[in-house]
All heavy atoms as atom14 arrays in JSON, in Angstrom:
{
  "sequence": "KGKIRGIGLSEVNSDTLRQAHAIHPITAVQSEYSLWSRQPE",
  "atom14_mask": [
    [1, 1, 1, 1, 1, 1, 1, 1, 1, 0, 0, 0, 0, 0],
    [1, 1, 1, 1, 0, 0, 0, 0, 0, 0, 0, 0, 0, 0],
    [1, 1, 1, 1, 1, 1, 1, 1, 1, 0, 0, 0, 0, 0],
    [1, 1, 1, 1, 1, 1, 1, 1, 0, 0, 0, 0, 0, 0],
    [1, 1, 1, 1, 1, 1, 1, 1, 1, 1, 1, 0, 0, 0],
    [1, 1, 1, 1, 0, 0, 0, 0, 0, 0, 0, 0, 0, 0],
    [1, 1, 1, 1, 1, 1, 1, 1, 0, 0, 0, 0, 0, 0],
    [1, 1, 1, 1, 0, 0, 0, 0, 0, 0, 0, 0, 0, 0],
    [1, 1, 1, 1, 1, 1, 1, 1, 0, 0, 0, 0, 0, 0],
    [1, 1, 1, 1, 1, 1, 0, 0, 0, 0, 0, 0, 0, 0],
    [1, 1, 1, 1, 1, 1, 1, 1, 1, 0, 0, 0, 0, 0],
    [1, 1, 1, 1, 1, 1, 1, 0, 0, 0, 0, 0, 0, 0],
    [1, 1, 1, 1, 1, 1, 1, 1, 0, 0, 0, 0, 0, 0],
    [1, 1, 1, 1, 1, 1, 0, 0, 0, 0, 0, 0, 0, 0],
    [1, 1, 1, 1, 1, 1, 1, 1, 0, 0, 0, 0, 0, 0],
    [1, 1, 1, 1, 1, 1, 1, 0, 0, 0, 0, 0, 0, 0],
    [1, 1, 1, 1, 1, 1, 1, 1, 0, 0, 0, 0, 0, 0],
    [1, 1, 1, 1, 1, 1, 1, 1, 1, 1, 1, 0, 0, 0],
    [1, 1, 1, 1, 1, 1, 1, 1, 1, 0, 0, 0, 0, 0],
    [1, 1, 1, 1, 1, 0, 0, 0, 0, 0, 0, 0, 0, 0],
    [1, 1, 1, 1, 1, 1, 1, 1, 1, 1, 0, 0, 0, 0],
    [1, 1, 1, 1, 1, 0, 0, 0, 0, 0, 0, 0, 0, 0],
    [1, 1, 1, 1, 1, 1, 1, 1, 0, 0, 0, 0, 0, 0],
    [1, 1, 1, 1, 1, 1, 1, 1, 1, 1, 0, 0, 0, 0],
    [1, 1, 1, 1, 1, 1, 1, 0, 0, 0, 0, 0, 0, 0],
    [1, 1, 1, 1, 1, 1, 1, 1, 0, 0, 0, 0, 0, 0],
    [1, 1, 1, 1, 1, 1, 1, 0, 0, 0, 0, 0, 0, 0],
    [1, 1, 1, 1, 1, 0, 0, 0, 0, 0, 0, 0, 0, 0],
    [1, 1, 1, 1, 1, 1, 1, 0, 0, 0, 0, 0, 0, 0],
    [1, 1, 1, 1, 1, 1, 1, 1, 1, 0, 0, 0, 0, 0],
    [1, 1, 1, 1, 1, 1, 0, 0, 0, 0, 0, 0, 0, 0],
    [1, 1, 1, 1, 1, 1, 1, 1, 1, 0, 0, 0, 0, 0],
    [1, 1, 1, 1, 1, 1, 1, 1, 1, 1, 1, 1, 0, 0],
    [1, 1, 1, 1, 1, 1, 0, 0, 0, 0, 0, 0, 0, 0],
    [1, 1, 1, 1, 1, 1, 1, 1, 0, 0, 0, 0, 0, 0],
    [1, 1, 1, 1, 1, 1, 1, 1, 1, 1, 1, 1, 1, 1],
    [1, 1, 1, 1, 1, 1, 0, 0, 0, 0, 0, 0, 0, 0],
    [1, 1, 1, 1, 1, 1, 1, 1, 1, 1, 1, 0, 0, 0],
    [1, 1, 1, 1, 1, 1, 1, 1, 1, 0, 0, 0, 0, 0],
    [1, 1, 1, 1, 1, 1, 1, 0, 0, 0, 0, 0, 0, 0],
    [1, 1, 1, 1, 1, 1, 1, 1, 1, 0, 0, 0, 0, 0]
  ],
  "atom14_positions": [
    [[13.43, -5.48, -13.8], [13.44, -6.87, -14.29], [12.31, -7.75, -13.76], [12.19, -8.88, -14.14], [14.83, -7.53, -13.89], [16.05, -6.89, -14.59], [17.3, -7.53, -14.1], [18.54, -6.84, -14.71], [19.85, -7.38, -14.15], [0.0, 0.0, 0.0], [0.0, 0.0, 0.0], [0.0, 0.0, 0.0], [0.0, 0.0, 0.0], [0.0, 0.0, 0.0]],
    [[11.57, -7.15, -12.85], [10.37, -7.88, -12.3], [10.79, -8.9, -11.21], [9.89, -9.68, -10.74], [0.0, 0.0, 0.0], [0.0, 0.0, 0.0], [0.0, 0.0, 0.0], [0.0, 0.0, 0.0], [0.0, 0.0, 0.0], [0.0, 0.0, 0.0], [0.0, 0.0, 0.0], [0.0, 0.0, 0.0], [0.0, 0.0, 0.0], [0.0, 0.0, 0.0]],
    [[12.07, -8.79, -10.72], [12.42, -9.71, -9.59], [11.88, -9.26, -8.29], [11.61, -10.08, -7.32], [13.95, -9.85, -9.61], [14.49, -10.55, -10.77], [16.01, -10.8, -10.6], [16.59, -11.6, -11.82], [18.02, -11.91, -11.6], [0.0, 0.0, 0.0], [0.0, 0.0, 0.0], [0.0, 0.0, 0.0], [0.0, 0.0, 0.0], [0.0, 0.0, 0.0]],
    [[11.75, -7.89, -8.07], [11.09, -7.39, -6.88], [10.18, -6.39, -7.3], [10.15, -5.74, -8.3], [12.16, -6.71, -5.94], [12.86, -5.52, -6.6], [13.22, -7.71, -5.57], [13.75, -4.78, -5.57], [0.0, 0.0, 0.0], [0.0, 0.0, 0.0], [0.0, 0.0, 0.0], [0.0, 0.0, 0.0], [0.0, 0.0, 0.0], [0.0, 0.0, 0.0]],
    [[9.11, -6.14, -6.41], [8.07, -5.19, -6.74], [8.29, -3.88, -5.94], [8.09, -2.79, -6.51], [6.66, -5.76, -6.3], [6.29, -7.03, -7.13], [4.87, -7.44, -6.71], [3.9, -6.4, -6.92], [2.81, -6.2, -6.2], [2.53, -7.04, -5.22], [1.98, -5.16, -6.46], [0.0, 0.0, 0.0], [0.0, 0.0, 0.0], [0.0, 0.0, 0.0]],
    [[8.57, -4.03, -4.71], [8.84, -2.81, -3.92], [10.16, -2.74, -3.2], [10.69, -3.89, -2.86], [0.0, 0.0, 0.0], [0.0, 0.0, 0.0], [0.0, 0.0, 0.0], [0.0, 0.0, 0.0], [0.0, 0.0, 0.0], [0.0, 0.0, 0.0], [0.0, 0.0, 0.0], [0.0, 0.0, 0.0], [0.0, 0.0, 0.0], [0.0, 0.0, 0.0]],
    [[10.68, -1.6, -2.89], [11.97, -1.47, -2.25], [11.78, -0.99, -0.84], [10.94, -0.11, -0.59], [12.83, -0.46, -2.97], [13.19, -0.94, -4.36], [14.19, -0.25, -2.13], [13.93, 0.02, -5.22], [0.0, 0.0, 0.0], [0.0, 0.0, 0.0], [0.0, 0.0, 0.0], [0.0, 0.0, 0.0], [0.0, 0.0, 0.0], [0.0, 0.0, 0.0]],
    [[12.38, -1.68, 0.16], [12.26, -1.18, 1.53], [13.61, -0.92, 2.12], [14.69, -1.27, 1.7], [0.0, 0.0, 0.0], [0.0, 0.0, 0.0], [0.0, 0.0, 0.0], [0.0, 0.0, 0.0], [0.0, 0.0, 0.0], [0.0, 0.0, 0.0], [0.0, 0.0, 0.0], [0.0, 0.0, 0.0], [0.0, 0.0, 0.0], [0.0, 0.0, 0.0]],
    [[13.62, -0.15, 3.23], [14.8, 0.17, 4.03], [14.43, -0.21, 5.48], [13.33, -0.06, 5.98], [15.13, 1.65, 3.94], [15.41, 2.15, 2.51], [15.58, 3.67, 2.59], [16.68, 1.57, 1.99], [0.0, 0.0, 0.0], [0.0, 0.0, 0.0], [0.0, 0.0, 0.0], [0.0, 0.0, 0.0], [0.0, 0.0, 0.0], [0.0, 0.0, 0.0]],
    [[15.41, -0.72, 6.18], [15.24, -0.98, 7.54], [16.27, -0.31, 8.49], [17.41, -0.2, 8.12], [15.48, -2.54, 7.84], [15.29, -2.97, 9.15], [0.0, 0.0, 0.0], [0.0, 0.0, 0.0], [0.0, 0.0, 0.0], [0.0, 0.0, 0.0], [0.0, 0.0, 0.0], [0.0, 0.0, 0.0], [0.0, 0.0, 0.0], [0.0, 0.0, 0.0]],
    [[15.72, 0.24, 9.61], [16.55, 0.96, 10.6], [17.36, 2.07, 10.0], [18.55, 2.22, 10.29], [17.44, -0.04, 11.35], [16.62, -0.98, 12.2], [16.07, -0.33, 13.56], [16.09, 0.89, 13.6], [15.64, -1.04, 14.49], [0.0, 0.0, 0.0], [0.0, 0.0, 0.0], [0.0, 0.0, 0.0], [0.0, 0.0, 0.0], [0.0, 0.0, 0.0]],
    [[16.7, 2.91, 9.14], [17.39, 4.07, 8.61], [16.83, 5.34, 9.26], [15.72, 5.34, 9.91], [17.24, 4.19, 7.04], [17.89, 2.94, 6.36], [15.73, 4.3, 6.74], [0.0, 0.0, 0.0], [0.0, 0.0, 0.0], [0.0, 0.0, 0.0], [0.0, 0.0, 0.0], [0.0, 0.0, 0.0], [0.0, 0.0, 0.0], [0.0, 0.0, 0.0]],
    [[17.47, 6.41, 9.07], [16.92, 7.73, 9.57], [16.26, 8.43, 8.43], [16.27, 8.02, 7.2], [18.02, 8.59, 10.19], [19.13, 8.95, 9.29], [18.92, 9.03, 8.07], [20.35, 9.06, 9.8], [0.0, 0.0, 0.0], [0.0, 0.0, 0.0], [0.0, 0.0, 0.0], [0.0, 0.0, 0.0], [0.0, 0.0, 0.0], [0.0, 0.0, 0.0]],
    [[15.63, 9.58, 8.76], [14.84, 10.35, 7.74], [15.74, 10.87, 6.57], [15.3, 10.86, 5.48], [14.17, 11.51, 8.44], [13.12, 11.09, 9.2], [0.0, 0.0, 0.0], [0.0, 0.0, 0.0], [0.0, 0.0, 0.0], [0.0, 0.0, 0.0], [0.0, 0.0, 0.0], [0.0, 0.0, 0.0], [0.0, 0.0, 0.0], [0.0, 0.0, 0.0]],
    [[16.95, 11.22, 6.9], [17.87, 11.66, 5.83], [18.14, 10.64, 4.71], [18.07, 10.87, 3.55], [19.2, 12.16, 6.37], [19.03, 13.57, 7.15], [18.04, 14.29, 6.95], [19.9, 13.81, 7.96], [0.0, 0.0, 0.0], [0.0, 0.0, 0.0], [0.0, 0.0, 0.0], [0.0, 0.0, 0.0], [0.0, 0.0, 0.0], [0.0, 0.0, 0.0]],
    [[18.41, 9.42, 5.24], [18.67, 8.33, 4.28], [17.37, 8.02, 3.5], [17.45, 7.73, 2.27], [19.12, 7.08, 5.03], [20.45, 7.32, 5.63], [19.2, 5.9, 4.18], [0.0, 0.0, 0.0], [0.0, 0.0, 0.0], [0.0, 0.0, 0.0], [0.0, 0.0, 0.0], [0.0, 0.0, 0.0], [0.0, 0.0, 0.0], [0.0, 0.0, 0.0]],
    [[16.24, 8.03, 4.21], [14.99, 7.72, 3.56], [14.78, 8.78, 2.41], [14.38, 8.39, 1.31], [13.87, 7.78, 4.54], [12.41, 7.69, 3.86], [12.28, 6.48, 3.03], [11.41, 7.75, 5.04], [0.0, 0.0, 0.0], [0.0, 0.0, 0.0], [0.0, 0.0, 0.0], [0.0, 0.0, 0.0], [0.0, 0.0, 0.0], [0.0, 0.0, 0.0]],
    [[14.99, 10.03, 2.69], [14.77, 11.07, 1.64], [15.69, 10.88, 0.44], [15.3, 11.07, -0.68], [14.9, 12.47, 2.24], [13.73, 12.83, 3.26], [13.86, 14.27, 3.68], [12.89, 14.58, 4.74], [11.73, 14.95, 4.49], [11.23, 14.95, 3.21], [10.74, 15.22, 5.47], [0.0, 0.0, 0.0], [0.0, 0.0, 0.0], [0.0, 0.0, 0.0]],
    [[16.99, 10.61, 0.78], [17.91, 10.4, -0.32], [17.56, 9.28, -1.2], [17.62, 9.37, -2.48], [19.29, 10.18, 0.29], [19.96, 11.35, 0.9], [21.29, 10.99, 1.52], [22.1, 10.39, 0.92], [21.5, 11.32, 2.82], [0.0, 0.0, 0.0], [0.0, 0.0, 0.0], [0.0, 0.0, 0.0], [0.0, 0.0, 0.0], [0.0, 0.0, 0.0]],
    [[17.12, 8.21, -0.57], [16.78, 6.93, -1.33], [15.5, 7.15, -2.07], [15.38, 6.74, -3.28], [16.65, 5.75, -0.39], [0.0, 0.0, 0.0], [0.0, 0.0, 0.0], [0.0, 0.0, 0.0], [0.0, 0.0, 0.0], [0.0, 0.0, 0.0], [0.0, 0.0, 0.0], [0.0, 0.0, 0.0], [0.0, 0.0, 0.0], [0.0, 0.0, 0.0]],
    [[14.52, 7.85, -1.47], [13.21, 7.96, -2.12], [13.36, 8.88, -3.3], [12.55, 8.77, -4.26], [12.26, 8.53, -1.15], [10.81, 8.55, -1.53], [10.04, 7.34, -1.63], [9.99, 9.55, -1.96], [8.82, 7.68, -1.95], [8.74, 8.98, -2.13], [0.0, 0.0, 0.0], [0.0, 0.0, 0.0], [0.0, 0.0, 0.0], [0.0, 0.0, 0.0]],
    [[14.28, 9.83, -3.34], [14.53, 10.64, -4.44], [15.01, 9.93, -5.67], [14.91, 10.37, -6.89], [15.44, 11.86, -4.13], [0.0, 0.0, 0.0], [0.0, 0.0, 0.0], [0.0, 0.0, 0.0], [0.0, 0.0, 0.0], [0.0, 0.0, 0.0], [0.0, 0.0, 0.0], [0.0, 0.0, 0.0], [0.0, 0.0, 0.0], [0.0, 0.0, 0.0]],
    [[15.67, 8.79, -5.48], [16.25, 7.99, -6.53], [15.24, 7.04, -7.06], [15.09, 6.84, -8.32], [17.51, 7.23, -6.03], [18.58, 8.22, -5.61], [18.06, 6.27, -7.12], [19.72, 7.56, -4.88], [0.0, 0.0, 0.0], [0.0, 0.0, 0.0], [0.0, 0.0, 0.0], [0.0, 0.0, 0.0], [0.0, 0.0, 0.0], [0.0, 0.0, 0.0]],
    [[14.47, 6.36, -6.19], [13.41, 5.46, -6.51], [12.44, 5.36, -5.39], [12.83, 5.31, -4.23], [13.97, 4.02, -6.83], [12.86, 3.06, -7.41], [11.92, 2.51, -6.62], [12.66, 2.62, -8.72], [11.21, 1.77, -7.32], [11.62, 1.8, -8.62], [0.0, 0.0, 0.0], [0.0, 0.0, 0.0], [0.0, 0.0, 0.0], [0.0, 0.0, 0.0]],
    [[11.07, 5.37, -5.67], [10.09, 5.31, -4.55], [10.4, 4.21, -3.57], [10.55, 3.13, -4.04], [8.86, 5.27, -5.19], [9.04, 5.84, -6.59], [10.46, 5.46, -6.9], [0.0, 0.0, 0.0], [0.0, 0.0, 0.0], [0.0, 0.0, 0.0], [0.0, 0.0, 0.0], [0.0, 0.0, 0.0], [0.0, 0.0, 0.0], [0.0, 0.0, 0.0]],
    [[10.41, 4.54, -2.3], [10.49, 3.59, -1.23], [9.13, 3.08, -0.83], [8.24, 3.96, -0.61], [11.27, 4.13, 0.0], [12.77, 4.48, -0.49], [11.27, 3.08, 1.13], [13.51, 3.31, -0.94], [0.0, 0.0, 0.0], [0.0, 0.0, 0.0], [0.0, 0.0, 0.0], [0.0, 0.0, 0.0], [0.0, 0.0, 0.0], [0.0, 0.0, 0.0]],
    [[8.93, 1.76, -0.76], [7.6, 1.28, -0.48], [7.34, 1.26, 1.1], [6.31, 1.7, 1.6], [7.43, -0.13, -0.98], [7.42, -0.02, -2.39], [6.08, -0.75, -0.48], [0.0, 0.0, 0.0], [0.0, 0.0, 0.0], [0.0, 0.0, 0.0], [0.0, 0.0, 0.0], [0.0, 0.0, 0.0], [0.0, 0.0, 0.0], [0.0, 0.0, 0.0]],
    [[8.41, 0.9, 1.87], [8.27, 0.82, 3.36], [9.57, 0.94, 4.0], [10.64, 0.59, 3.51], [7.63, -0.58, 3.65], [0.0, 0.0, 0.0], [0.0, 0.0, 0.0], [0.0, 0.0, 0.0], [0.0, 0.0, 0.0], [0.0, 0.0, 0.0], [0.0, 0.0, 0.0], [0.0, 0.0, 0.0], [0.0, 0.0, 0.0], [0.0, 0.0, 0.0]],
    [[9.43, 1.46, 5.24], [10.64, 1.48, 6.18], [10.22, 0.61, 7.36], [9.14, 0.64, 7.84], [10.87, 2.97, 6.7], [11.83, 2.87, 7.87], [11.45, 3.82, 5.54], [0.0, 0.0, 0.0], [0.0, 0.0, 0.0], [0.0, 0.0, 0.0], [0.0, 0.0, 0.0], [0.0, 0.0, 0.0], [0.0, 0.0, 0.0], [0.0, 0.0, 0.0]],
    [[11.12, -0.3, 7.74], [10.93, -1.14, 8.8], [11.93, -0.78, 9.95], [13.13, -0.72, 9.68], [11.12, -2.61, 8.37], [10.89, -3.61, 9.58], [10.93, -5.01, 9.22], [11.45, -5.89, 10.03], [10.43, -5.42, 7.99], [0.0, 0.0, 0.0], [0.0, 0.0, 0.0], [0.0, 0.0, 0.0], [0.0, 0.0, 0.0], [0.0, 0.0, 0.0]],
    [[11.33, -0.58, 11.12], [12.24, -0.33, 12.31], [11.49, -0.81, 13.53], [10.32, -1.13, 13.5], [12.43, 1.12, 12.44], [13.25, 1.73, 11.42], [0.0, 0.0, 0.0], [0.0, 0.0, 0.0], [0.0, 0.0, 0.0], [0.0, 0.0, 0.0], [0.0, 0.0, 0.0], [0.0, 0.0, 0.0], [0.0, 0.0, 0.0], [0.0, 0.0, 0.0]],
    [[12.27, -1.11, 14.56], [11.65, -1.51, 15.86], [10.8, -0.34, 16.3], [11.27, 0.83, 16.46], [12.71, -1.81, 16.91], [12.06, -2.38, 18.19], [13.15, -2.87, 19.14], [14.32, -2.93, 18.83], [12.69, -3.25, 20.27], [0.0, 0.0, 0.0], [0.0, 0.0, 0.0], [0.0, 0.0, 0.0], [0.0, 0.0, 0.0], [0.0, 0.0, 0.0]],
    [[9.56, -0.61, 16.66], [8.66, 0.39, 17.15], [7.53, -0.25, 17.99], [6.87, -1.25, 17.56], [7.99, 1.16, 16.06], [6.99, 2.3, 16.47], [7.31, 3.06, 17.54], [5.8, 2.47, 15.71], [6.48, 4.08, 17.91], [4.91, 3.52, 16.14], [5.26, 4.32, 17.18], [4.43, 5.31, 17.57], [0.0, 0.0, 0.0], [0.0, 0.0, 0.0]],
    [[7.52, 0.2, 19.22], [6.51, -0.41, 20.23], [6.43, 0.61, 21.34], [7.03, 1.68, 21.37], [7.06, -1.74, 20.78], [8.19, -1.55, 21.57], [0.0, 0.0, 0.0], [0.0, 0.0, 0.0], [0.0, 0.0, 0.0], [0.0, 0.0, 0.0], [0.0, 0.0, 0.0], [0.0, 0.0, 0.0], [0.0, 0.0, 0.0], [0.0, 0.0, 0.0]],
    [[5.51, 0.24, 22.3], [5.37, 1.1, 23.44], [6.63, 1.53, 24.14], [6.81, 2.55, 24.61], [4.4, 0.47, 24.43], [2.9, 0.5, 24.05], [2.17, -0.54, 24.84], [2.38, 1.87, 24.42], [0.0, 0.0, 0.0], [0.0, 0.0, 0.0], [0.0, 0.0, 0.0], [0.0, 0.0, 0.0], [0.0, 0.0, 0.0], [0.0, 0.0, 0.0]],
    [[7.58, 0.47, 24.19], [8.85, 0.9, 24.86], [10.08, 1.11, 23.91], [11.19, 1.23, 24.42], [9.22, -0.29, 25.83], [9.83, -1.53, 25.35], [9.8, -1.96, 24.11], [10.49, -2.54, 26.21], [10.5, -3.21, 24.05], [10.91, -3.55, 25.25], [10.88, -2.57, 27.54], [11.66, -4.61, 25.77], [11.56, -3.67, 27.97], [11.96, -4.73, 27.01]],
    [[9.83, 1.23, 22.63], [10.86, 1.66, 21.64], [10.26, 2.6, 20.66], [9.7, 2.3, 19.73], [11.34, 0.39, 20.89], [12.05, -0.47, 21.7], [0.0, 0.0, 0.0], [0.0, 0.0, 0.0], [0.0, 0.0, 0.0], [0.0, 0.0, 0.0], [0.0, 0.0, 0.0], [0.0, 0.0, 0.0], [0.0, 0.0, 0.0], [0.0, 0.0, 0.0]],
    [[10.34, 3.91, 21.08], [9.61, 5.0, 20.4], [10.43, 5.99, 19.64], [9.9, 7.09, 19.32], [8.66, 5.69, 21.47], [7.64, 4.72, 21.99], [6.83, 5.27, 23.13], [6.08, 6.36, 22.67], [5.32, 7.13, 23.56], [5.27, 6.76, 24.91], [4.66, 8.16, 23.18], [0.0, 0.0, 0.0], [0.0, 0.0, 0.0], [0.0, 0.0, 0.0]],
    [[11.66, 5.61, 19.34], [12.5, 6.55, 18.53], [11.87, 6.97, 17.28], [12.07, 8.14, 16.83], [13.88, 5.9, 18.29], [14.84, 6.86, 17.59], [16.19, 6.14, 17.35], [16.47, 5.03, 17.79], [17.01, 6.82, 16.55], [0.0, 0.0, 0.0], [0.0, 0.0, 0.0], [0.0, 0.0, 0.0], [0.0, 0.0, 0.0], [0.0, 0.0, 0.0]],
    [[11.17, 6.09, 16.52], [10.61, 6.53, 15.19], [9.68, 7.74, 15.33], [9.39, 8.43, 14.38], [9.84, 5.29, 14.75], [10.55, 4.2, 15.32], [10.98, 4.59, 16.74], [0.0, 0.0, 0.0], [0.0, 0.0, 0.0], [0.0, 0.0, 0.0], [0.0, 0.0, 0.0], [0.0, 0.0, 0.0], [0.0, 0.0, 0.0], [0.0, 0.0, 0.0]],
    [[9.05, 7.94, 16.54], [8.19, 9.13, 16.74], [8.91, 10.44, 16.66], [8.3, 11.53, 16.48], [7.46, 9.02, 18.11], [6.53, 7.83, 18.11], [5.78, 7.68, 19.48], [6.04, 8.6, 20.32], [5.01, 6.78, 19.63], [0.0, 0.0, 0.0], [0.0, 0.0, 0.0], [0.0, 0.0, 0.0], [0.0, 0.0, 0.0], [0.0, 0.0, 0.0]]
  ]
}
């Protein structure tokens, strides 16, 4: 409908990302990531 351009997910794991991306391309995943928060690695 043109209301949004890209779809994002926040604080999800890889399994959820893969499931969602198979339905519609995901533009970005947002999660806490810094020198002292390194779980995304």
